[in-house]
N, C-alpha and C. Protein backbone atom coordinates (compact mmCIF):
# COMPACT_ATOMS: atom_id res chain seq x y z
N MET A 1 -18.95 -111.11 -34.50
CA MET A 1 -18.57 -111.63 -33.21
C MET A 1 -17.05 -111.59 -33.03
N TYR A 2 -16.32 -112.02 -34.06
CA TYR A 2 -14.87 -111.99 -34.02
C TYR A 2 -14.37 -110.58 -33.77
N ARG A 3 -14.99 -109.61 -34.42
CA ARG A 3 -14.60 -108.21 -34.30
C ARG A 3 -14.81 -107.72 -32.85
N ALA A 4 -15.90 -108.13 -32.22
CA ALA A 4 -16.17 -107.74 -30.84
C ALA A 4 -15.10 -108.28 -29.90
N TRP A 5 -14.72 -109.54 -30.09
CA TRP A 5 -13.69 -110.13 -29.24
C TRP A 5 -12.33 -109.47 -29.46
N MET A 6 -12.04 -109.09 -30.68
CA MET A 6 -10.79 -108.38 -30.98
C MET A 6 -10.77 -107.02 -30.27
N THR A 7 -11.91 -106.33 -30.27
CA THR A 7 -12.00 -105.03 -29.60
C THR A 7 -11.77 -105.20 -28.10
N VAL A 8 -12.40 -106.19 -27.49
CA VAL A 8 -12.21 -106.46 -26.07
C VAL A 8 -10.73 -106.77 -25.79
N GLY A 9 -10.13 -107.60 -26.61
CA GLY A 9 -8.72 -107.94 -26.44
C GLY A 9 -7.82 -106.72 -26.53
N LEU A 10 -8.06 -105.85 -27.47
CA LEU A 10 -7.26 -104.64 -27.61
C LEU A 10 -7.45 -103.71 -26.42
N LEU A 11 -8.67 -103.59 -25.94
CA LEU A 11 -8.93 -102.75 -24.77
C LEU A 11 -8.18 -103.27 -23.55
N LEU A 12 -8.14 -104.58 -23.39
CA LEU A 12 -7.41 -105.15 -22.26
C LEU A 12 -5.92 -104.84 -22.35
N LEU A 13 -5.40 -104.73 -23.55
CA LEU A 13 -3.99 -104.43 -23.72
C LEU A 13 -3.68 -102.97 -23.44
N ILE A 14 -4.61 -102.07 -23.75
CA ILE A 14 -4.30 -100.65 -23.60
C ILE A 14 -4.83 -100.02 -22.33
N LEU A 15 -5.82 -100.59 -21.70
CA LEU A 15 -6.33 -100.01 -20.47
C LEU A 15 -5.47 -100.47 -19.31
N PRO A 16 -4.88 -99.51 -18.57
CA PRO A 16 -4.02 -99.91 -17.45
C PRO A 16 -4.81 -100.65 -16.38
N GLY A 17 -4.16 -101.66 -15.81
CA GLY A 17 -4.77 -102.40 -14.72
C GLY A 17 -5.74 -103.49 -15.16
N CYS A 18 -6.03 -103.59 -16.43
CA CYS A 18 -7.01 -104.59 -16.87
C CYS A 18 -6.40 -105.97 -17.02
N ALA A 19 -5.16 -106.05 -17.35
CA ALA A 19 -4.50 -107.33 -17.52
C ALA A 19 -3.16 -107.27 -16.80
N PRO A 20 -2.73 -108.37 -16.18
CA PRO A 20 -1.45 -108.33 -15.47
C PRO A 20 -0.30 -108.11 -16.45
N ALA A 21 0.59 -107.21 -16.07
CA ALA A 21 1.75 -106.93 -16.90
C ALA A 21 2.76 -108.05 -16.73
N PRO A 22 3.15 -108.70 -17.83
CA PRO A 22 4.13 -109.79 -17.71
C PRO A 22 5.42 -109.34 -17.03
N ASP A 23 5.83 -108.07 -17.25
CA ASP A 23 7.06 -107.59 -16.61
C ASP A 23 6.90 -107.48 -15.10
N ALA A 24 5.71 -107.13 -14.60
CA ALA A 24 5.47 -107.07 -13.16
C ALA A 24 5.52 -108.47 -12.56
N ILE A 25 4.97 -109.43 -13.27
CA ILE A 25 4.99 -110.81 -12.78
C ILE A 25 6.42 -111.34 -12.77
N ALA A 26 7.16 -111.10 -13.81
CA ALA A 26 8.57 -111.54 -13.87
C ALA A 26 9.39 -110.85 -12.78
N SER A 27 9.15 -109.56 -12.59
CA SER A 27 9.86 -108.82 -11.54
C SER A 27 9.57 -109.44 -10.17
N ALA A 28 8.30 -109.68 -9.88
CA ALA A 28 7.91 -110.26 -8.59
C ALA A 28 8.56 -111.62 -8.39
N ARG A 29 8.51 -112.46 -9.39
CA ARG A 29 9.04 -113.81 -9.25
C ARG A 29 10.57 -113.83 -9.14
N SER A 30 11.25 -112.75 -9.55
CA SER A 30 12.71 -112.68 -9.45
C SER A 30 13.18 -112.51 -8.01
N ALA A 31 12.27 -112.19 -7.10
CA ALA A 31 12.64 -111.93 -5.71
C ALA A 31 13.06 -113.17 -4.95
N GLY A 32 12.51 -114.33 -5.32
CA GLY A 32 12.78 -115.55 -4.56
C GLY A 32 13.33 -116.65 -5.44
N PRO A 33 13.74 -117.74 -4.82
CA PRO A 33 14.22 -118.89 -5.61
C PRO A 33 13.07 -119.46 -6.44
N ASP A 34 13.38 -119.98 -7.60
CA ASP A 34 12.36 -120.54 -8.50
C ASP A 34 11.49 -121.59 -7.82
N SER A 35 12.09 -122.36 -6.90
CA SER A 35 11.32 -123.42 -6.23
C SER A 35 10.16 -122.86 -5.41
N ILE A 36 10.22 -121.59 -5.06
CA ILE A 36 9.14 -120.93 -4.32
C ILE A 36 8.37 -119.99 -5.24
N SER A 37 9.07 -119.14 -5.95
CA SER A 37 8.40 -118.06 -6.69
C SER A 37 7.62 -118.54 -7.91
N ALA A 38 8.01 -119.66 -8.50
CA ALA A 38 7.32 -120.14 -9.71
C ALA A 38 5.84 -120.44 -9.45
N ASP A 39 5.51 -120.85 -8.22
CA ASP A 39 4.13 -121.20 -7.89
C ASP A 39 3.50 -120.22 -6.89
N ALA A 40 4.15 -119.08 -6.67
CA ALA A 40 3.65 -118.09 -5.71
C ALA A 40 2.56 -117.22 -6.34
N THR A 41 1.69 -116.71 -5.50
CA THR A 41 0.73 -115.68 -5.93
C THR A 41 1.51 -114.40 -6.15
N VAL A 42 1.16 -113.64 -7.16
CA VAL A 42 1.79 -112.34 -7.41
C VAL A 42 0.76 -111.26 -7.12
N MET A 43 1.18 -110.27 -6.32
CA MET A 43 0.33 -109.14 -5.98
C MET A 43 1.04 -107.85 -6.38
N ASP A 44 0.25 -106.79 -6.60
CA ASP A 44 0.84 -105.47 -6.77
C ASP A 44 0.98 -104.85 -5.38
N TRP A 45 1.50 -103.62 -5.32
CA TRP A 45 1.75 -103.00 -4.02
C TRP A 45 0.49 -102.42 -3.37
N ASP A 46 -0.64 -102.51 -4.05
CA ASP A 46 -1.93 -102.22 -3.41
C ASP A 46 -2.51 -103.52 -2.85
N LEU A 47 -1.73 -104.60 -2.94
CA LEU A 47 -2.07 -105.94 -2.47
C LEU A 47 -3.24 -106.56 -3.22
N ASN A 48 -3.34 -106.20 -4.51
CA ASN A 48 -4.30 -106.83 -5.41
C ASN A 48 -3.61 -108.01 -6.09
N VAL A 49 -4.29 -109.14 -6.18
CA VAL A 49 -3.74 -110.32 -6.84
C VAL A 49 -3.73 -110.07 -8.35
N ILE A 50 -2.54 -110.26 -8.96
CA ILE A 50 -2.45 -110.14 -10.42
C ILE A 50 -2.17 -111.50 -11.07
N SER A 51 -1.77 -112.48 -10.26
CA SER A 51 -1.59 -113.84 -10.75
C SER A 51 -1.72 -114.79 -9.56
N GLN A 52 -2.73 -115.63 -9.59
CA GLN A 52 -2.97 -116.56 -8.48
C GLN A 52 -1.96 -117.70 -8.51
N GLY A 53 -1.39 -118.02 -7.37
CA GLY A 53 -0.42 -119.10 -7.27
C GLY A 53 -1.02 -120.33 -6.61
N SER A 54 -0.18 -121.34 -6.42
CA SER A 54 -0.66 -122.59 -5.84
C SER A 54 0.10 -122.99 -4.57
N ASN A 55 0.99 -122.13 -4.09
CA ASN A 55 1.66 -122.43 -2.81
C ASN A 55 1.31 -121.32 -1.82
N ASP A 56 1.95 -121.30 -0.68
CA ASP A 56 1.61 -120.34 0.37
C ASP A 56 2.48 -119.08 0.34
N TRP A 57 3.14 -118.81 -0.76
CA TRP A 57 4.02 -117.66 -0.90
C TRP A 57 3.36 -116.59 -1.76
N THR A 58 3.78 -115.34 -1.52
CA THR A 58 3.30 -114.20 -2.30
C THR A 58 4.52 -113.40 -2.74
N CYS A 59 4.57 -113.03 -4.01
CA CYS A 59 5.66 -112.21 -4.51
C CYS A 59 5.10 -110.87 -4.99
N LEU A 60 5.87 -109.82 -4.77
CA LEU A 60 5.50 -108.47 -5.18
C LEU A 60 6.60 -107.90 -6.06
N PRO A 61 6.26 -107.15 -7.10
CA PRO A 61 7.28 -106.64 -8.02
C PRO A 61 8.07 -105.47 -7.44
N ASP A 62 9.08 -105.08 -8.17
CA ASP A 62 9.85 -103.88 -7.85
C ASP A 62 8.87 -102.74 -7.59
N ARG A 63 9.11 -101.98 -6.54
CA ARG A 63 8.24 -100.84 -6.24
C ARG A 63 8.62 -99.66 -7.14
N PRO A 64 7.67 -99.16 -7.90
CA PRO A 64 7.99 -98.08 -8.84
C PRO A 64 8.33 -96.75 -8.16
N ASP A 65 7.97 -96.58 -6.89
CA ASP A 65 8.20 -95.32 -6.19
C ASP A 65 9.51 -95.30 -5.41
N THR A 66 10.36 -96.31 -5.60
CA THR A 66 11.64 -96.36 -4.90
C THR A 66 12.78 -96.53 -5.91
N PRO A 67 13.97 -96.05 -5.54
CA PRO A 67 15.12 -96.28 -6.44
C PRO A 67 15.58 -97.73 -6.31
N GLY A 68 16.22 -98.22 -7.32
CA GLY A 68 16.74 -99.58 -7.27
C GLY A 68 15.70 -100.61 -7.62
N ASN A 69 16.09 -101.86 -7.55
CA ASN A 69 15.24 -103.00 -7.90
C ASN A 69 14.95 -103.74 -6.60
N ASP A 70 13.69 -103.71 -6.13
CA ASP A 70 13.39 -104.25 -4.81
C ASP A 70 12.12 -105.10 -4.75
N PRO A 71 12.02 -106.15 -5.57
CA PRO A 71 10.87 -107.04 -5.44
C PRO A 71 11.00 -107.92 -4.19
N TRP A 72 9.87 -108.43 -3.71
CA TRP A 72 9.80 -109.25 -2.50
C TRP A 72 9.11 -110.57 -2.81
N CYS A 73 9.45 -111.62 -2.07
CA CYS A 73 8.73 -112.89 -2.08
C CYS A 73 8.58 -113.28 -0.61
N VAL A 74 7.31 -113.39 -0.13
CA VAL A 74 7.06 -113.47 1.31
C VAL A 74 6.17 -114.64 1.71
N SER A 75 6.38 -115.13 2.92
CA SER A 75 5.50 -116.12 3.52
C SER A 75 4.29 -115.40 4.12
N GLY A 76 3.34 -116.17 4.66
CA GLY A 76 2.11 -115.60 5.20
C GLY A 76 2.33 -114.58 6.31
N ALA A 77 3.25 -114.84 7.22
CA ALA A 77 3.52 -113.89 8.30
C ALA A 77 3.99 -112.55 7.73
N TRP A 78 4.81 -112.63 6.68
CA TRP A 78 5.29 -111.40 6.06
C TRP A 78 4.18 -110.66 5.32
N LEU A 79 3.24 -111.37 4.78
CA LEU A 79 2.10 -110.70 4.13
C LEU A 79 1.32 -109.92 5.18
N ASP A 80 1.12 -110.51 6.36
CA ASP A 80 0.49 -109.79 7.47
C ASP A 80 1.33 -108.56 7.84
N PHE A 81 2.64 -108.74 7.93
CA PHE A 81 3.57 -107.65 8.23
C PHE A 81 3.42 -106.52 7.21
N LEU A 82 3.42 -106.86 5.92
CA LEU A 82 3.32 -105.84 4.88
C LEU A 82 1.99 -105.09 4.94
N GLN A 83 0.90 -105.81 5.20
CA GLN A 83 -0.40 -105.15 5.32
C GLN A 83 -0.38 -104.16 6.48
N ALA A 84 0.22 -104.55 7.61
CA ALA A 84 0.32 -103.65 8.76
C ALA A 84 1.24 -102.48 8.46
N TYR A 85 2.36 -102.75 7.83
CA TYR A 85 3.32 -101.69 7.49
C TYR A 85 2.68 -100.66 6.56
N ILE A 86 2.03 -101.13 5.51
CA ILE A 86 1.39 -100.23 4.56
C ILE A 86 0.29 -99.41 5.25
N GLY A 87 -0.47 -100.05 6.13
CA GLY A 87 -1.54 -99.37 6.83
C GLY A 87 -1.11 -98.65 8.10
N GLN A 88 0.19 -98.74 8.43
CA GLN A 88 0.77 -98.16 9.63
C GLN A 88 0.00 -98.61 10.88
N THR A 89 -0.22 -99.93 10.96
CA THR A 89 -0.89 -100.54 12.10
C THR A 89 0.02 -101.60 12.71
N GLN A 90 -0.41 -102.20 13.77
CA GLN A 90 0.35 -103.24 14.46
C GLN A 90 0.22 -104.56 13.71
N PRO A 91 1.33 -105.23 13.36
CA PRO A 91 1.22 -106.56 12.74
C PRO A 91 0.59 -107.55 13.73
N THR A 92 -0.05 -108.59 13.19
CA THR A 92 -0.70 -109.58 14.06
C THR A 92 -0.20 -111.00 13.80
N TYR A 93 0.88 -111.16 13.03
CA TYR A 93 1.36 -112.51 12.73
C TYR A 93 1.73 -113.24 14.01
N SER A 94 1.58 -114.57 13.99
CA SER A 94 1.91 -115.38 15.17
C SER A 94 2.87 -116.51 14.82
N ASP A 95 3.35 -116.54 13.60
CA ASP A 95 4.29 -117.56 13.14
C ASP A 95 5.61 -116.92 12.75
N ILE A 96 6.66 -117.72 12.74
CA ILE A 96 7.93 -117.26 12.17
C ILE A 96 7.69 -117.04 10.69
N GLY A 97 8.24 -115.98 10.15
CA GLY A 97 8.05 -115.68 8.74
C GLY A 97 9.37 -115.43 8.03
N PHE A 98 9.39 -115.76 6.74
CA PHE A 98 10.57 -115.53 5.91
C PHE A 98 10.19 -114.73 4.67
N ALA A 99 11.14 -113.92 4.21
CA ALA A 99 10.96 -113.16 2.98
C ALA A 99 12.29 -113.17 2.23
N TYR A 100 12.19 -113.21 0.92
CA TYR A 100 13.36 -113.13 0.05
C TYR A 100 13.36 -111.80 -0.68
N MET A 101 14.54 -111.22 -0.79
CA MET A 101 14.77 -110.07 -1.66
C MET A 101 16.09 -110.35 -2.40
N LEU A 102 16.04 -111.31 -3.33
CA LEU A 102 17.26 -111.76 -4.00
C LEU A 102 17.78 -110.76 -5.03
N MET A 103 16.99 -109.75 -5.37
CA MET A 103 17.45 -108.72 -6.30
C MET A 103 18.05 -107.53 -5.57
N GLY A 104 18.02 -107.54 -4.25
CA GLY A 104 18.56 -106.44 -3.47
C GLY A 104 17.45 -105.59 -2.88
N ASP A 105 17.80 -104.37 -2.51
CA ASP A 105 16.85 -103.50 -1.83
C ASP A 105 17.13 -102.05 -2.21
N THR A 106 16.18 -101.21 -1.91
CA THR A 106 16.35 -99.78 -2.09
C THR A 106 17.05 -99.23 -0.85
N PRO A 107 17.76 -98.11 -0.93
CA PRO A 107 18.33 -97.53 0.29
C PRO A 107 17.23 -97.25 1.31
N VAL A 108 17.54 -97.55 2.58
CA VAL A 108 16.50 -97.50 3.61
C VAL A 108 17.14 -97.18 4.97
N SER A 109 16.36 -96.56 5.84
CA SER A 109 16.79 -96.33 7.21
C SER A 109 16.78 -97.66 7.95
N ASN A 110 17.77 -97.87 8.81
CA ASN A 110 17.80 -99.07 9.62
C ASN A 110 16.94 -98.93 10.89
N THR A 111 16.56 -97.69 11.23
CA THR A 111 15.83 -97.47 12.48
C THR A 111 14.42 -96.92 12.29
N ASP A 112 14.17 -96.21 11.19
CA ASP A 112 12.87 -95.57 10.98
C ASP A 112 12.18 -96.19 9.77
N PRO A 113 11.12 -96.98 9.99
CA PRO A 113 10.46 -97.68 8.89
C PRO A 113 9.87 -96.76 7.83
N TYR A 114 9.64 -95.50 8.17
CA TYR A 114 8.97 -94.60 7.22
C TYR A 114 9.86 -93.46 6.71
N ALA A 115 11.16 -93.53 7.01
CA ALA A 115 12.09 -92.50 6.51
C ALA A 115 12.17 -92.60 4.99
N THR A 116 12.18 -91.46 4.33
CA THR A 116 12.25 -91.42 2.86
C THR A 116 13.54 -90.80 2.35
N GLU A 117 14.39 -90.38 3.27
CA GLU A 117 15.69 -89.85 2.88
C GLU A 117 16.70 -90.20 3.96
N PRO A 118 18.00 -90.10 3.65
CA PRO A 118 19.01 -90.53 4.61
C PRO A 118 18.81 -89.93 6.00
N THR A 119 18.98 -90.78 6.99
CA THR A 119 18.81 -90.40 8.38
C THR A 119 20.14 -90.36 9.12
N GLY A 120 21.23 -90.56 8.41
CA GLY A 120 22.56 -90.55 9.01
C GLY A 120 23.40 -91.67 8.42
N ALA A 121 24.69 -91.44 8.32
CA ALA A 121 25.59 -92.41 7.69
C ALA A 121 25.58 -93.76 8.40
N ASP A 122 25.46 -93.76 9.72
CA ASP A 122 25.48 -95.02 10.46
C ASP A 122 24.13 -95.72 10.44
N ASP A 123 23.10 -95.05 9.95
CA ASP A 123 21.76 -95.60 9.95
C ASP A 123 21.27 -95.98 8.55
N TRP A 124 21.70 -95.26 7.56
CA TRP A 124 21.17 -95.43 6.20
C TRP A 124 21.83 -96.64 5.53
N VAL A 125 21.03 -97.62 5.14
CA VAL A 125 21.52 -98.86 4.54
C VAL A 125 21.49 -98.70 3.02
N THR A 126 22.65 -98.80 2.39
CA THR A 126 22.74 -98.67 0.93
C THR A 126 23.46 -99.88 0.35
N ASP A 127 23.27 -100.07 -0.92
CA ASP A 127 23.97 -101.13 -1.65
C ASP A 127 23.79 -102.51 -1.04
N LEU A 128 22.63 -102.74 -0.48
CA LEU A 128 22.34 -104.06 0.10
C LEU A 128 21.97 -105.00 -1.02
N GLY A 129 22.71 -106.06 -1.15
CA GLY A 129 22.46 -107.05 -2.20
C GLY A 129 21.40 -108.04 -1.77
N ALA A 130 21.46 -109.21 -2.35
CA ALA A 130 20.50 -110.28 -2.06
C ALA A 130 20.49 -110.58 -0.57
N HIS A 131 19.27 -110.75 -0.03
CA HIS A 131 19.15 -111.05 1.39
C HIS A 131 17.82 -111.74 1.69
N LEU A 132 17.78 -112.36 2.85
CA LEU A 132 16.57 -112.94 3.42
C LEU A 132 16.17 -112.07 4.60
N MET A 133 14.93 -112.16 4.98
CA MET A 133 14.46 -111.46 6.18
C MET A 133 13.64 -112.46 7.00
N MET A 134 13.70 -112.31 8.31
CA MET A 134 13.01 -113.24 9.20
C MET A 134 12.22 -112.47 10.25
N LEU A 135 10.98 -112.90 10.44
CA LEU A 135 10.12 -112.36 11.50
C LEU A 135 10.02 -113.39 12.61
N VAL A 136 9.99 -112.92 13.85
CA VAL A 136 9.69 -113.78 14.98
C VAL A 136 8.54 -113.14 15.75
N PRO A 137 7.58 -113.93 16.21
CA PRO A 137 6.42 -113.37 16.90
C PRO A 137 6.76 -112.65 18.22
N ASP A 138 7.79 -113.12 18.90
CA ASP A 138 8.21 -112.52 20.16
C ASP A 138 9.43 -111.64 19.89
N LEU A 139 9.22 -110.33 19.82
CA LEU A 139 10.32 -109.42 19.46
C LEU A 139 11.43 -109.41 20.50
N ALA A 140 11.18 -109.88 21.71
CA ALA A 140 12.23 -109.96 22.72
C ALA A 140 13.33 -110.93 22.28
N LEU A 141 13.01 -111.87 21.40
CA LEU A 141 14.02 -112.80 20.90
C LEU A 141 15.08 -112.09 20.05
N LEU A 142 14.82 -110.87 19.65
CA LEU A 142 15.77 -110.12 18.83
C LEU A 142 16.82 -109.39 19.65
N ASP A 143 16.66 -109.36 20.97
CA ASP A 143 17.54 -108.57 21.84
C ASP A 143 19.01 -108.94 21.74
N SER A 144 19.33 -110.20 21.46
CA SER A 144 20.73 -110.62 21.42
C SER A 144 21.34 -110.54 20.02
N ILE A 145 20.60 -110.04 19.05
CA ILE A 145 21.09 -109.94 17.68
C ILE A 145 21.58 -108.52 17.43
N PRO A 146 22.74 -108.34 16.77
CA PRO A 146 23.25 -107.00 16.52
C PRO A 146 22.25 -106.11 15.78
N ARG A 147 22.36 -104.82 16.01
CA ARG A 147 21.52 -103.84 15.33
C ARG A 147 22.32 -103.07 14.28
N ASP A 148 23.61 -103.28 14.27
CA ASP A 148 24.51 -102.58 13.34
C ASP A 148 24.45 -103.26 11.97
N HIS A 149 23.94 -102.55 10.98
CA HIS A 149 23.80 -103.12 9.63
C HIS A 149 25.14 -103.34 8.94
N ALA A 150 26.19 -102.76 9.46
CA ALA A 150 27.50 -102.91 8.83
C ALA A 150 28.37 -103.93 9.57
N ASN A 151 27.77 -104.83 10.31
CA ASN A 151 28.55 -105.79 11.12
C ASN A 151 29.08 -106.98 10.31
N GLY A 152 28.65 -107.11 9.05
CA GLY A 152 29.13 -108.20 8.21
C GLY A 152 28.24 -109.42 8.20
N GLY A 153 27.20 -109.43 9.00
CA GLY A 153 26.28 -110.57 9.07
C GLY A 153 24.87 -110.12 9.38
N PRO A 154 24.05 -111.01 9.92
CA PRO A 154 22.67 -110.65 10.23
C PRO A 154 22.58 -109.51 11.25
N TRP A 155 21.48 -108.76 11.18
CA TRP A 155 21.22 -107.68 12.13
C TRP A 155 19.72 -107.43 12.21
N VAL A 156 19.32 -106.70 13.24
CA VAL A 156 17.92 -106.33 13.42
C VAL A 156 17.68 -104.99 12.74
N MET A 157 16.72 -104.98 11.82
CA MET A 157 16.30 -103.73 11.19
C MET A 157 15.03 -103.26 11.88
N TRP A 158 14.91 -101.96 12.00
CA TRP A 158 13.75 -101.29 12.63
C TRP A 158 13.50 -101.76 14.05
N PRO A 159 14.62 -101.87 14.84
CA PRO A 159 14.44 -102.28 16.23
C PRO A 159 13.57 -101.27 16.97
N ASP A 160 13.00 -101.72 18.06
CA ASP A 160 12.16 -100.86 18.90
C ASP A 160 10.93 -100.33 18.17
N THR A 161 10.51 -101.04 17.13
CA THR A 161 9.25 -100.72 16.43
C THR A 161 8.48 -102.03 16.27
N PRO A 162 7.20 -101.97 15.97
CA PRO A 162 6.46 -103.21 15.74
C PRO A 162 6.90 -103.93 14.47
N TYR A 163 7.75 -103.26 13.67
CA TYR A 163 8.20 -103.81 12.39
C TYR A 163 9.62 -104.38 12.46
N ALA A 164 10.13 -104.62 13.66
CA ALA A 164 11.48 -105.17 13.82
C ALA A 164 11.55 -106.55 13.17
N HIS A 165 12.67 -106.80 12.50
CA HIS A 165 12.89 -108.09 11.85
C HIS A 165 14.38 -108.31 11.65
N ILE A 166 14.75 -109.53 11.34
CA ILE A 166 16.16 -109.88 11.13
C ILE A 166 16.47 -109.81 9.65
N MET A 167 17.52 -109.09 9.32
CA MET A 167 18.05 -109.02 7.96
C MET A 167 19.21 -110.02 7.87
N ILE A 168 19.19 -110.85 6.83
CA ILE A 168 20.21 -111.88 6.67
C ILE A 168 20.82 -111.76 5.28
N PRO A 169 21.97 -111.08 5.16
CA PRO A 169 22.59 -110.95 3.83
C PRO A 169 23.02 -112.31 3.29
N VAL A 170 22.86 -112.51 2.00
CA VAL A 170 23.32 -113.75 1.36
C VAL A 170 24.85 -113.76 1.31
N GLU A 171 25.43 -112.59 1.09
CA GLU A 171 26.89 -112.44 1.15
C GLU A 171 27.20 -111.43 2.23
N SER A 172 28.41 -111.45 2.76
CA SER A 172 28.78 -110.53 3.82
C SER A 172 28.52 -109.09 3.38
N TYR A 173 27.91 -108.33 4.25
CA TYR A 173 27.59 -106.94 3.98
C TYR A 173 28.13 -106.12 5.14
N GLY A 174 28.82 -105.07 4.83
CA GLY A 174 29.32 -104.22 5.90
C GLY A 174 30.44 -103.34 5.44
N ARG A 175 31.10 -102.79 6.41
CA ARG A 175 32.16 -101.81 6.15
C ARG A 175 33.40 -102.47 5.61
């Protein structure tokens, strides 16, 4: 019996996807402040739960298909946003939402949510450090917020798309 349990244990260690990787969980939890991320659910980027949490937050690890270190820690509205973004559908959140990316972000277009390479010097956001992101259900509320990512403060990313949101750098970001 002991031998059977040892075999099962070894298989769980070597078969990918069978057991949550501690490094993925640590990566995910690094995205937000400990007061939120320590009790958050951790999901992979296929939105499978790898560690169940006890609060209303969800953290996702660094994405292996992007350069840089870009884990996320998100509220419920942002989880809806991410599901819509991944599925290229319309988000349906109805609450204000917050997300943390305290480890920074991968280089990204400020205007095209699906761009995979630079779209222009004035559009491509690089070297973005720790930041928060905010969703508002009524995108018209974003009209008075700058769209220039190099303005030194908050700005609207992906304006004029269903994925528009406010980027809030923790430290001044810009030219």
